[in-house]
Amino acid sequence: MDIERQTNRFLTANRRLRNILRTHGVANDRILEQKISDAGPYDQRIDPHILTGARHSMVDAGQITAVTRDGIPWFHLASADPAVVAERLDTLSKLHKQTNKAEFSNRLGQVLQ
């Protein structure tokens, strides 16, 4: 892959990360990957290894803030309203804990079989 194409994909990853976090407020890496690597317009899907690199660089640059809750890293824009971040993080982390319980994941697996 040539340098120009890599740079364009990296810039697209930065733009998509900002857009998703602006829309959703808070997201973990799995949510970001689902929305950016697996979904969206075909020409704007970003491979996970590029997405991870872009996210790390944005965290290092202070554009995105990482918060760990219950061992899970969650991300939000550094410029986001703290009240919105706190409310959204509380909601999503509770939901994440519930869906990771064995009762839920085992039943979901049975349904999918």
C-alpha atoms as a PDB file:
ATOM      1  CA  MET A   1       0.000   0.000   0.000  1.00  0.00           C
ATOM      2  CA  ASP A   2       1.455   3.358  -0.944  1.00  0.00           C
ATOM      3  CA  ILE A   3       2.070   6.124   1.586  1.00  0.00           C
ATOM      4  CA  GLU A   4      -0.555   8.482   0.123  1.00  0.00           C
ATOM      5  CA  ARG A   5      -3.297   5.852   0.362  1.00  0.00           C
ATOM      6  CA  GLN A   6      -2.258   4.990   3.935  1.00  0.00           C
ATOM      7  CA  THR A   7      -2.348   8.680   4.856  1.00  0.00           C
ATOM      8  CA  ASN A   8      -5.796   9.091   3.295  1.00  0.00           C
ATOM      9  CA  ARG A   9      -7.126   6.055   5.203  1.00  0.00           C
ATOM     10  CA  PHE A  10      -5.593   7.395   8.432  1.00  0.00           C
ATOM     11  CA  LEU A  11      -7.261  10.794   7.883  1.00  0.00           C
ATOM     12  CA  THR A  12     -10.562   9.070   7.120  1.00  0.00           C
ATOM     13  CA  ALA A  13     -10.181   7.063  10.347  1.00  0.00           C
ATOM     14  CA  ASN A  14      -9.636  10.283  12.328  1.00  0.00           C
ATOM     15  CA  ARG A  15     -12.707  11.875  10.755  1.00  0.00           C
ATOM     16  CA  ARG A  16     -14.884   8.805  11.363  1.00  0.00           C
ATOM     17  CA  LEU A  17     -13.719   8.533  15.002  1.00  0.00           C
ATOM     18  CA  ARG A  18     -14.633  12.179  15.635  1.00  0.00           C
ATOM     19  CA  ASN A  19     -18.029  11.759  13.939  1.00  0.00           C
ATOM     20  CA  ILE A  20     -18.953   8.571  15.804  1.00  0.00           C
ATOM     21  CA  LEU A  21     -17.872   9.962  19.170  1.00  0.00           C
ATOM     22  CA  ARG A  22     -19.668  13.254  18.492  1.00  0.00           C
ATOM     23  CA  THR A  23     -22.859  11.330  17.688  1.00  0.00           C
ATOM     24  CA  HIS A  24     -22.671   8.663  20.411  1.00  0.00           C
ATOM     25  CA  GLY A  25     -20.808  10.563  23.113  1.00  0.00           C
ATOM     26  CA  VAL A  26     -18.937   7.531  24.453  1.00  0.00           C
ATOM     27  CA  ALA A  27     -17.891   4.249  22.848  1.00  0.00           C
ATOM     28  CA  ASN A  28     -15.574   1.343  23.560  1.00  0.00           C
ATOM     29  CA  ASP A  29     -13.177  -0.100  20.998  1.00  0.00           C
ATOM     30  CA  ARG A  30     -15.621  -2.822  19.968  1.00  0.00           C
ATOM     31  CA  ILE A  31     -18.373  -0.293  19.228  1.00  0.00           C
ATOM     32  CA  LEU A  32     -15.959   1.893  17.267  1.00  0.00           C
ATOM     33  CA  GLU A  33     -14.743  -1.045  15.215  1.00  0.00           C
ATOM     34  CA  GLN A  34     -18.297  -2.188  14.461  1.00  0.00           C
ATOM     35  CA  LYS A  35     -19.341   1.283  13.340  1.00  0.00           C
ATOM     36  CA  ILE A  36     -16.187   2.160  11.392  1.00  0.00           C
ATOM     37  CA  SER A  37     -14.659  -1.097  10.149  1.00  0.00           C
ATOM     38  CA  ASP A  38     -17.791  -3.209   9.652  1.00  0.00           C
ATOM     39  CA  ALA A  39     -20.474  -0.632   8.798  1.00  0.00           C
ATOM     40  CA  GLY A  40     -20.946   2.650   7.058  1.00  0.00           C
ATOM     41  CA  PRO A  41     -20.277   3.634   3.471  1.00  0.00           C
ATOM     42  CA  TYR A  42     -18.056   1.099   1.738  1.00  0.00           C
ATOM     43  CA  ASP A  43     -15.365   3.627   0.779  1.00  0.00           C
ATOM     44  CA  GLN A  44     -15.204   4.891   4.379  1.00  0.00           C
ATOM     45  CA  ARG A  45     -14.673   1.563   6.119  1.00  0.00           C
ATOM     46  CA  ILE A  46     -11.317   1.492   7.853  1.00  0.00           C
ATOM     47  CA  ASP A  47      -9.314  -1.657   8.597  1.00  0.00           C
ATOM     48  CA  PRO A  48      -9.023  -2.300  12.341  1.00  0.00           C
ATOM     49  CA  HIS A  49      -5.221  -1.927  12.405  1.00  0.00           C
ATOM     50  CA  ILE A  50      -5.472   1.564  10.876  1.00  0.00           C
ATOM     51  CA  LEU A  51      -8.379   2.476  13.152  1.00  0.00           C
ATOM     52  CA  THR A  52      -6.441   1.430  16.253  1.00  0.00           C
ATOM     53  CA  GLY A  53      -3.411   3.466  15.185  1.00  0.00           C
ATOM     54  CA  ALA A  54      -5.575   6.516  14.507  1.00  0.00           C
ATOM     55  CA  ARG A  55      -7.314   6.166  17.866  1.00  0.00           C
ATOM     56  CA  HIS A  56      -3.988   5.872  19.708  1.00  0.00           C
ATOM     57  CA  SER A  57      -2.615   8.947  17.960  1.00  0.00           C
ATOM     58  CA  MET A  58      -5.749  10.955  18.787  1.00  0.00           C
ATOM     59  CA  VAL A  59      -5.504   9.895  22.451  1.00  0.00           C
ATOM     60  CA  ASP A  60      -1.810  10.864  22.480  1.00  0.00           C
ATOM     61  CA  ALA A  61      -2.678  14.234  20.898  1.00  0.00           C
ATOM     62  CA  GLY A  62      -5.360  14.879  23.529  1.00  0.00           C
ATOM     63  CA  GLN A  63      -8.243  14.897  21.019  1.00  0.00           C
ATOM     64  CA  ILE A  64      -9.815  11.753  22.485  1.00  0.00           C
ATOM     65  CA  THR A  65      -9.920  10.845  26.160  1.00  0.00           C
ATOM     66  CA  ALA A  66      -9.776   7.239  27.364  1.00  0.00           C
ATOM     67  CA  VAL A  67     -11.590   6.281  30.570  1.00  0.00           C
ATOM     68  CA  THR A  68     -11.475   2.788  32.074  1.00  0.00           C
ATOM     69  CA  ARG A  69     -14.646   1.544  33.735  1.00  0.00           C
ATOM     70  CA  ASP A  70     -14.833  -2.017  35.086  1.00  0.00           C
ATOM     71  CA  GLY A  71     -11.692  -2.939  33.178  1.00  0.00           C
ATOM     72  CA  ILE A  72     -13.066  -1.741  29.819  1.00  0.00           C
ATOM     73  CA  PRO A  73     -11.558   1.296  28.061  1.00  0.00           C
ATOM     74  CA  TRP A  74     -14.174   3.791  26.891  1.00  0.00           C
ATOM     75  CA  PHE A  75     -13.441   6.752  24.628  1.00  0.00           C
ATOM     76  CA  HIS A  76     -14.946  10.206  24.192  1.00  0.00           C
ATOM     77  CA  LEU A  77     -13.934  13.451  22.573  1.00  0.00           C
ATOM     78  CA  ALA A  78     -11.842  15.582  24.912  1.00  0.00           C
ATOM     79  CA  SER A  79     -14.113  18.523  24.088  1.00  0.00           C
ATOM     80  CA  ALA A  80     -17.308  16.627  25.031  1.00  0.00           C
ATOM     81  CA  ASP A  81     -19.603  17.930  27.758  1.00  0.00           C
ATOM     82  CA  PRO A  82     -18.573  16.153  30.994  1.00  0.00           C
ATOM     83  CA  ALA A  83     -22.203  15.748  32.100  1.00  0.00           C
ATOM     84  CA  VAL A  84     -23.136  14.032  28.829  1.00  0.00           C
ATOM     85  CA  VAL A  85     -20.045  11.809  29.034  1.00  0.00           C
ATOM     86  CA  ALA A  86     -20.800  10.804  32.635  1.00  0.00           C
ATOM     87  CA  GLU A  87     -24.440   9.968  31.874  1.00  0.00           C
ATOM     88  CA  ARG A  88     -23.628   8.041  28.693  1.00  0.00           C
ATOM     89  CA  LEU A  89     -20.719   6.185  30.300  1.00  0.00           C
ATOM     90  CA  ASP A  90     -22.898   5.165  33.220  1.00  0.00           C
ATOM     91  CA  THR A  91     -25.616   3.853  30.892  1.00  0.00           C
ATOM     92  CA  LEU A  92     -23.285   2.019  28.515  1.00  0.00           C
ATOM     93  CA  SER A  93     -21.086   0.464  31.194  1.00  0.00           C
ATOM     94  CA  LYS A  94     -24.149  -0.913  33.026  1.00  0.00           C
ATOM     95  CA  LEU A  95     -25.482  -2.334  29.762  1.00  0.00           C
ATOM     96  CA  HIS A  96     -22.092  -3.826  28.939  1.00  0.00           C
ATOM     97  CA  LYS A  97     -21.935  -5.532  32.356  1.00  0.00           C
ATOM     98  CA  GLN A  98     -25.418  -6.994  31.898  1.00  0.00           C
ATOM     99  CA  THR A  99     -24.732  -8.381  28.418  1.00  0.00           C
ATOM    100  CA  ASN A 100     -21.477  -9.965  29.577  1.00  0.00           C
ATOM    101  CA  LYS A 101     -23.196 -12.014  32.276  1.00  0.00           C
ATOM    102  CA  ALA A 102     -23.237 -15.751  31.604  1.00  0.00           C
ATOM    103  CA  GLU A 103     -27.044 -15.982  31.765  1.00  0.00           C
ATOM    104  CA  PHE A 104     -27.394 -13.562  28.869  1.00  0.00           C
ATOM    105  CA  SER A 105     -24.521 -14.749  26.694  1.00  0.00           C
ATOM    106  CA  ASN A 106     -25.451 -18.427  27.137  1.00  0.00           C
ATOM    107  CA  ARG A 107     -29.082 -17.784  26.194  1.00  0.00           C
ATOM    108  CA  LEU A 108     -28.066 -15.671  23.252  1.00  0.00           C
ATOM    109  CA  GLY A 109     -25.756 -18.438  22.070  1.00  0.00           C
ATOM    110  CA  GLN A 110     -28.560 -20.982  22.373  1.00  0.00           C
ATOM    111  CA  VAL A 111     -30.896 -18.798  20.339  1.00  0.00           C
ATOM    112  CA  LEU A 112     -28.283 -18.325  17.630  1.00  0.00           C
ATOM    113  CA  GLN A 113     -27.736 -22.074  17.314  1.00  0.00           C
END
